[in-house]
Amino acid sequence: HDNIETLSGKDALFRIYNDIRFSKDRS
């Protein structure tokens, strides 16, 4: 239905690791 540039589902998925360097939430 649309012209999507993302190559794969793996490329689309974000990391599960939080960037806690500047966050109050240290999870």
PDB file of all heavy atoms in Angstrom:
ATOM      1  N   HIS A   1       0.793  -1.228   0.000  1.00  0.00           N
ATOM      2  CA  HIS A   1       0.000   0.000   0.000  1.00  0.00           C
ATOM      3  C   HIS A   1       0.831   1.287   0.000  1.00  0.00           C
ATOM      4  O   HIS A   1       0.290   2.360  -0.200  1.00  0.00           O
ATOM      5  CB  HIS A   1      -0.933   0.011   1.219  1.00  0.00           C
ATOM      6  CG  HIS A   1      -1.787  -1.206   1.306  1.00  0.00           C
ATOM      7  ND1 HIS A   1      -2.892  -1.393   0.523  1.00  0.00           N
ATOM      8  CD2 HIS A   1      -1.662  -2.327   2.055  1.00  0.00           C
ATOM      9  CE1 HIS A   1      -3.429  -2.573   0.802  1.00  0.00           C
ATOM     10  NE2 HIS A   1      -2.710  -3.150   1.726  1.00  0.00           N
ATOM     11  N   ASP A   2       2.140   1.163   0.265  1.00  0.00           N
ATOM     12  CA  ASP A   2       2.972   2.361   0.356  1.00  0.00           C
ATOM     13  C   ASP A   2       4.388   2.000  -0.076  1.00  0.00           C
ATOM     14  O   ASP A   2       4.788   0.833  -0.039  1.00  0.00           O
ATOM     15  CB  ASP A   2       2.974   2.889   1.799  1.00  0.00           C
ATOM     16  CG  ASP A   2       3.373   4.353   1.903  1.00  0.00           C
ATOM     17  OD1 ASP A   2       3.820   4.934   0.894  1.00  0.00           O
ATOM     18  OD2 ASP A   2       3.250   4.912   3.005  1.00  0.00           O
ATOM     19  N   ASN A   3       5.139   2.996  -0.465  1.00  0.00           N
ATOM     20  CA  ASN A   3       6.523   2.809  -0.876  1.00  0.00           C
ATOM     21  C   ASN A   3       7.393   2.941   0.373  1.00  0.00           C
ATOM     22  O   ASN A   3       7.721   4.046   0.790  1.00  0.00           O
ATOM     23  CB  ASN A   3       6.885   3.846  -1.943  1.00  0.00           C
ATOM     24  CG  ASN A   3       8.198   3.540  -2.607  1.00  0.00           C
ATOM     25  OD1 ASN A   3       8.872   2.575  -2.277  1.00  0.00           O
ATOM     26  ND2 ASN A   3       8.580   4.374  -3.555  1.00  0.00           N
ATOM     27  N   ILE A   4       7.754   1.802   0.948  1.00  0.00           N
ATOM     28  CA  ILE A   4       8.504   1.764   2.203  1.00  0.00           C
ATOM     29  C   ILE A   4       9.981   1.495   1.911  1.00  0.00           C
ATOM     30  O   ILE A   4      10.316   0.582   1.167  1.00  0.00           O
ATOM     31  CB  ILE A   4       7.954   0.668   3.146  1.00  0.00           C
ATOM     32  CG1 ILE A   4       6.460   0.833   3.386  1.00  0.00           C
ATOM     33  CG2 ILE A   4       8.738   0.630   4.451  1.00  0.00           C
ATOM     34  CD1 ILE A   4       6.072   2.049   4.162  1.00  0.00           C
ATOM     35  N   GLU A   5      10.830   2.290   2.516  1.00  0.00           N
ATOM     36  CA  GLU A   5      12.272   2.197   2.316  1.00  0.00           C
ATOM     37  C   GLU A   5      12.921   1.164   3.224  1.00  0.00           C
ATOM     38  O   GLU A   5      13.972   0.608   2.902  1.00  0.00           O
ATOM     39  CB  GLU A   5      12.851   3.583   2.587  1.00  0.00           C
ATOM     40  CG  GLU A   5      14.319   3.737   2.394  1.00  0.00           C
ATOM     41  CD  GLU A   5      14.725   5.187   2.579  1.00  0.00           C
ATOM     42  OE1 GLU A   5      14.499   5.994   1.668  1.00  0.00           O
ATOM     43  OE2 GLU A   5      15.267   5.507   3.653  1.00  0.00           O
ATOM     44  N   THR A   6      12.347   0.898   4.373  1.00  0.00           N
ATOM     45  CA  THR A   6      12.901  -0.046   5.343  1.00  0.00           C
ATOM     46  C   THR A   6      13.076  -1.407   4.665  1.00  0.00           C
ATOM     47  O   THR A   6      12.135  -1.920   4.051  1.00  0.00           O
ATOM     48  CB  THR A   6      11.973  -0.164   6.562  1.00  0.00           C
ATOM     49  OG1 THR A   6      11.726   1.150   7.071  1.00  0.00           O
ATOM     50  CG2 THR A   6      12.597  -1.019   7.641  1.00  0.00           C
ATOM     51  N   LEU A   7      14.256  -1.986   4.771  1.00  0.00           N
ATOM     52  CA  LEU A   7      14.573  -3.190   4.015  1.00  0.00           C
ATOM     53  C   LEU A   7      14.016  -4.473   4.612  1.00  0.00           C
ATOM     54  O   LEU A   7      13.666  -5.396   3.885  1.00  0.00           O
ATOM     55  CB  LEU A   7      16.093  -3.319   3.865  1.00  0.00           C
ATOM     56  CG  LEU A   7      16.768  -2.198   3.076  1.00  0.00           C
ATOM     57  CD1 LEU A   7      18.281  -2.387   3.080  1.00  0.00           C
ATOM     58  CD2 LEU A   7      16.229  -2.143   1.664  1.00  0.00           C
ATOM     59  N   SER A   8      13.974  -4.554   5.938  1.00  0.00           N
ATOM     60  CA  SER A   8      13.527  -5.809   6.546  1.00  0.00           C
ATOM     61  C   SER A   8      12.875  -5.532   7.898  1.00  0.00           C
ATOM     62  O   SER A   8      13.037  -4.462   8.479  1.00  0.00           O
ATOM     63  CB  SER A   8      14.722  -6.751   6.748  1.00  0.00           C
ATOM     64  OG  SER A   8      15.575  -6.260   7.750  1.00  0.00           O
ATOM     65  N   GLY A   9      12.164  -6.542   8.386  1.00  0.00           N
ATOM     66  CA  GLY A   9      11.571  -6.441   9.711  1.00  0.00           C
ATOM     67  C   GLY A   9      12.625  -6.294  10.785  1.00  0.00           C
ATOM     68  O   GLY A   9      12.446  -5.567  11.763  1.00  0.00           O
ATOM     69  N   LYS A  10      13.755  -6.967  10.594  1.00  0.00           N
ATOM     70  CA  LYS A  10      14.847  -6.864  11.561  1.00  0.00           C
ATOM     71  C   LYS A  10      15.388  -5.438  11.597  1.00  0.00           C
ATOM     72  O   LYS A  10      15.671  -4.902  12.664  1.00  0.00           O
ATOM     73  CB  LYS A  10      15.952  -7.843  11.187  1.00  0.00           C
ATOM     74  CG  LYS A  10      17.051  -7.959  12.204  1.00  0.00           C
ATOM     75  CD  LYS A  10      18.043  -9.035  11.810  1.00  0.00           C
ATOM     76  CE  LYS A  10      19.114  -9.187  12.864  1.00  0.00           C
ATOM     77  NZ  LYS A  10      20.074 -10.231  12.512  1.00  0.00           N
ATOM     78  N   ASP A  11      15.511  -4.797  10.425  1.00  0.00           N
ATOM     79  CA  ASP A  11      15.970  -3.405  10.374  1.00  0.00           C
ATOM     80  C   ASP A  11      14.965  -2.454  11.015  1.00  0.00           C
ATOM     81  O   ASP A  11      15.346  -1.406  11.524  1.00  0.00           O
ATOM     82  CB  ASP A  11      16.198  -2.963   8.923  1.00  0.00           C
ATOM     83  CG  ASP A  11      17.407  -3.620   8.300  1.00  0.00           C
ATOM     84  OD1 ASP A  11      18.283  -4.106   9.036  1.00  0.00           O
ATOM     85  OD2 ASP A  11      17.479  -3.663   7.051  1.00  0.00           O
ATOM     86  N   ALA A  12      13.688  -2.801  10.958  1.00  0.00           N
ATOM     87  CA  ALA A  12      12.637  -1.924  11.488  1.00  0.00           C
ATOM     88  C   ALA A  12      12.574  -1.962  13.010  1.00  0.00           C
ATOM     89  O   ALA A  12      12.177  -0.982  13.641  1.00  0.00           O
ATOM     90  CB  ALA A  12      11.280  -2.331  10.922  1.00  0.00           C
ATOM     91  N   LEU A  13      12.960  -3.072  13.595  1.00  0.00           N
ATOM     92  CA  LEU A  13      12.802  -3.265  15.035  1.00  0.00           C
ATOM     93  C   LEU A  13      13.868  -2.492  15.820  1.00  0.00           C
ATOM     94  O   LEU A  13      15.046  -2.522  15.495  1.00  0.00           O
ATOM     95  CB  LEU A  13      12.898  -4.755  15.365  1.00  0.00           C
ATOM     96  CG  LEU A  13      12.285  -5.227  16.652  1.00  0.00           C
ATOM     97  CD1 LEU A  13      10.805  -4.894  16.724  1.00  0.00           C
ATOM     98  CD2 LEU A  13      12.474  -6.726  16.809  1.00  0.00           C
ATOM     99  N   PHE A  14      13.432  -1.780  16.847  1.00  0.00           N
ATOM    100  CA  PHE A  14      14.343  -1.018  17.698  1.00  0.00           C
ATOM    101  C   PHE A  14      14.975  -1.923  18.750  1.00  0.00           C
ATOM    102  O   PHE A  14      14.418  -2.966  19.113  1.00  0.00           O
ATOM    103  CB  PHE A  14      13.614   0.122  18.398  1.00  0.00           C
ATOM    104  CG  PHE A  14      13.026   1.155  17.471  1.00  0.00           C
ATOM    105  CD1 PHE A  14      12.061   2.020  17.934  1.00  0.00           C
ATOM    106  CD2 PHE A  14      13.412   1.270  16.149  1.00  0.00           C
ATOM    107  CE1 PHE A  14      11.508   2.989  17.118  1.00  0.00           C
ATOM    108  CE2 PHE A  14      12.875   2.227  15.306  1.00  0.00           C
ATOM    109  CZ  PHE A  14      11.918   3.087  15.800  1.00  0.00           C
ATOM    110  N   ARG A  15      16.090  -1.486  19.278  1.00  0.00           N
ATOM    111  CA  ARG A  15      16.782  -2.229  20.334  1.00  0.00           C
ATOM    112  C   ARG A  15      15.936  -2.241  21.615  1.00  0.00           C
ATOM    113  O   ARG A  15      15.198  -1.302  21.876  1.00  0.00           O
ATOM    114  CB  ARG A  15      18.122  -1.577  20.633  1.00  0.00           C
ATOM    115  CG  ARG A  15      19.090  -1.597  19.485  1.00  0.00           C
ATOM    116  CD  ARG A  15      20.276  -0.679  19.715  1.00  0.00           C
ATOM    117  NE  ARG A  15      20.731  -0.641  21.084  1.00  0.00           N
ATOM    118  CZ  ARG A  15      21.852  -1.179  21.541  1.00  0.00           C
ATOM    119  NH1 ARG A  15      22.655  -1.790  20.721  1.00  0.00           N
ATOM    120  NH2 ARG A  15      22.180  -1.086  22.808  1.00  0.00           N
ATOM    121  N   ILE A  16      16.116  -3.264  22.413  1.00  0.00           N
ATOM    122  CA  ILE A  16      15.386  -3.353  23.676  1.00  0.00           C
ATOM    123  C   ILE A  16      16.142  -2.644  24.805  1.00  0.00           C
ATOM    124  O   ILE A  16      15.600  -2.361  25.860  1.00  0.00           O
ATOM    125  CB  ILE A  16      15.092  -4.826  24.050  1.00  0.00           C
ATOM    126  CG1 ILE A  16      13.967  -4.894  25.092  1.00  0.00           C
ATOM    127  CG2 ILE A  16      16.371  -5.526  24.520  1.00  0.00           C
ATOM    128  CD1 ILE A  16      13.301  -6.230  25.219  1.00  0.00           C
ATOM    129  N   TYR A  17      17.387  -2.298  24.538  1.00  0.00           N
ATOM    130  CA  TYR A  17      18.215  -1.671  25.567  1.00  0.00           C
ATOM    131  C   TYR A  17      17.893  -0.183  25.684  1.00  0.00           C
ATOM    132  O   TYR A  17      17.880   0.536  24.700  1.00  0.00           O
ATOM    133  CB  TYR A  17      19.699  -1.851  25.227  1.00  0.00           C
ATOM    134  CG  TYR A  17      20.055  -3.296  25.001  1.00  0.00           C
ATOM    135  CD1 TYR A  17      20.157  -3.819  23.722  1.00  0.00           C
ATOM    136  CD2 TYR A  17      20.245  -4.151  26.090  1.00  0.00           C
ATOM    137  CE1 TYR A  17      20.461  -5.148  23.519  1.00  0.00           C
ATOM    138  CE2 TYR A  17      20.549  -5.487  25.893  1.00  0.00           C
ATOM    139  CZ  TYR A  17      20.654  -5.987  24.598  1.00  0.00           C
ATOM    140  OH  TYR A  17      20.937  -7.305  24.410  1.00  0.00           O
ATOM    141  N   ASN A  18      17.650   0.276  26.895  1.00  0.00           N
ATOM    142  CA  ASN A  18      17.407   1.697  27.160  1.00  0.00           C
ATOM    143  C   ASN A  18      18.719   2.464  27.180  1.00  0.00           C
ATOM    144  O   ASN A  18      19.727   1.966  27.686  1.00  0.00           O
ATOM    145  CB  ASN A  18      16.728   1.891  28.526  1.00  0.00           C
ATOM    146  CG  ASN A  18      15.236   1.966  28.440  1.00  0.00           C
ATOM    147  OD1 ASN A  18      14.687   2.364  27.418  1.00  0.00           O
ATOM    148  ND2 ASN A  18      14.570   1.571  29.508  1.00  0.00           N
ATOM    149  N   ASP A  19      18.684   3.677  26.668  1.00  0.00           N
ATOM    150  CA  ASP A  19      19.817   4.586  26.813  1.00  0.00           C
ATOM    151  C   ASP A  19      19.576   5.365  28.104  1.00  0.00           C
ATOM    152  O   ASP A  19      18.727   6.244  28.157  1.00  0.00           O
ATOM    153  CB  ASP A  19      19.892   5.530  25.611  1.00  0.00           C
ATOM    154  CG  ASP A  19      21.090   6.462  25.692  1.00  0.00           C
ATOM    155  OD1 ASP A  19      21.811   6.435  26.717  1.00  0.00           O
ATOM    156  OD2 ASP A  19      21.295   7.223  24.740  1.00  0.00           O
ATOM    157  N   ILE A  20      20.295   5.001  29.145  1.00  0.00           N
ATOM    158  CA  ILE A  20      20.028   5.578  30.470  1.00  0.00           C
ATOM    159  C   ILE A  20      20.971   6.727  30.818  1.00  0.00           C
ATOM    160  O   ILE A  20      20.896   7.276  31.913  1.00  0.00           O
ATOM    161  CB  ILE A  20      20.097   4.504  31.580  1.00  0.00           C
ATOM    162  CG1 ILE A  20      21.475   3.848  31.610  1.00  0.00           C
ATOM    163  CG2 ILE A  20      19.019   3.458  31.374  1.00  0.00           C
ATOM    164  CD1 ILE A  20      21.703   2.946  32.797  1.00  0.00           C
ATOM    165  N   ARG A  21      21.828   7.116  29.866  1.00  0.00           N
ATOM    166  CA  ARG A  21      22.831   8.146  30.173  1.00  0.00           C
ATOM    167  C   ARG A  21      22.209   9.445  30.669  1.00  0.00           C
ATOM    168  O   ARG A  21      22.733  10.076  31.566  1.00  0.00           O
ATOM    169  CB  ARG A  21      23.691   8.434  28.936  1.00  0.00           C
ATOM    170  CG  ARG A  21      24.569   7.276  28.541  1.00  0.00           C
ATOM    171  CD  ARG A  21      25.290   7.573  27.267  1.00  0.00           C
ATOM    172  NE  ARG A  21      24.297   7.767  26.205  1.00  0.00           N
ATOM    173  CZ  ARG A  21      24.579   8.216  24.989  1.00  0.00           C
ATOM    174  NH1 ARG A  21      25.818   8.523  24.671  1.00  0.00           N
ATOM    175  NH2 ARG A  21      23.638   8.332  24.081  1.00  0.00           N
ATOM    176  N   PHE A  22      21.100   9.870  30.075  1.00  0.00           N
ATOM    177  CA  PHE A  22      20.506  11.159  30.427  1.00  0.00           C
ATOM    178  C   PHE A  22      19.091  11.007  30.985  1.00  0.00           C
ATOM    179  O   PHE A  22      18.316  11.936  30.981  1.00  0.00           O
ATOM    180  CB  PHE A  22      20.481  12.069  29.191  1.00  0.00           C
ATOM    181  CG  PHE A  22      21.808  12.171  28.516  1.00  0.00           C
ATOM    182  CD1 PHE A  22      22.037  11.549  27.308  1.00  0.00           C
ATOM    183  CD2 PHE A  22      22.848  12.872  29.113  1.00  0.00           C
ATOM    184  CE1 PHE A  22      23.282  11.632  26.685  1.00  0.00           C
ATOM    185  CE2 PHE A  22      24.093  12.972  28.504  1.00  0.00           C
ATOM    186  CZ  PHE A  22      24.306  12.340  27.284  1.00  0.00           C
ATOM    187  N   SER A  23      18.760   9.828  31.455  1.00  0.00           N
ATOM    188  CA  SER A  23      17.400   9.538  31.888  1.00  0.00           C
ATOM    189  C   SER A  23      17.321   9.382  33.403  1.00  0.00           C
ATOM    190  O   SER A  23      18.223   8.826  34.034  1.00  0.00           O
ATOM    191  CB  SER A  23      16.921   8.249  31.211  1.00  0.00           C
ATOM    192  OG  SER A  23      15.654   7.893  31.658  1.00  0.00           O
ATOM    193  N   LYS A  24      16.210   9.828  33.964  1.00  0.00           N
ATOM    194  CA  LYS A  24      15.966   9.594  35.392  1.00  0.00           C
ATOM    195  C   LYS A  24      15.581   8.138  35.631  1.00  0.00           C
ATOM    196  O   LYS A  24      15.827   7.588  36.698  1.00  0.00           O
ATOM    197  CB  LYS A  24      14.860  10.521  35.889  1.00  0.00           C
ATOM    198  CG  LYS A  24      15.298  11.960  35.968  1.00  0.00           C
ATOM    199  CD  LYS A  24      14.190  12.855  36.488  1.00  0.00           C
ATOM    200  CE  LYS A  24      14.645  14.294  36.489  1.00  0.00           C
ATOM    201  NZ  LYS A  24      13.626  15.209  36.954  1.00  0.00           N
ATOM    202  N   ASP A  25      14.944   7.517  34.635  1.00  0.00           N
ATOM    203  CA  ASP A  25      14.580   6.103  34.709  1.00  0.00           C
ATOM    204  C   ASP A  25      15.826   5.279  34.393  1.00  0.00           C
ATOM    205  O   ASP A  25      16.331   5.291  33.273  1.00  0.00           O
ATOM    206  CB  ASP A  25      13.459   5.787  33.710  1.00  0.00           C
ATOM    207  CG  ASP A  25      13.065   4.324  33.721  1.00  0.00           C
ATOM    208  OD1 ASP A  25      13.575   3.556  34.568  1.00  0.00           O
ATOM    209  OD2 ASP A  25      12.247   3.933  32.867  1.00  0.00           O
ATOM    210  N   ARG A  26      16.332   4.575  35.363  1.00  0.00           N
ATOM    211  CA  ARG A  26      17.573   3.812  35.195  1.00  0.00           C
ATOM    212  C   ARG A  26      17.317   2.360  34.791  1.00  0.00           C
ATOM    213  O   ARG A  26      18.225   1.532  34.839  1.00  0.00           O
ATOM    214  CB  ARG A  26      18.394   3.855  36.476  1.00  0.00           C
ATOM    215  CG  ARG A  26      18.679   5.264  37.015  1.00  0.00           C
ATOM    216  CD  ARG A  26      19.293   6.190  36.013  1.00  0.00           C
ATOM    217  NE  ARG A  26      20.722   5.975  35.941  1.00  0.00           N
ATOM    218  CZ  ARG A  26      21.545   6.642  35.147  1.00  0.00           C
ATOM    219  NH1 ARG A  26      21.069   7.566  34.355  1.00  0.00           N
ATOM    220  NH2 ARG A  26      22.824   6.389  35.125  1.00  0.00           N
ATOM    221  N   SER A  27      16.096   2.044  34.368  1.00  0.00           N
ATOM    222  CA  SER A  27      15.795   0.684  33.913  1.00  0.00           C
ATOM    223  C   SER A  27      16.610   0.383  32.669  1.00  0.00           C
ATOM    224  O   SER A  27      16.561   1.133  31.695  1.00  0.00           O
ATOM    225  CB  SER A  27      14.311   0.540  33.582  1.00  0.00           C
ATOM    226  OG  SER A  27      13.512   0.887  34.668  1.00  0.00           O
TER     227      SER A  27
END
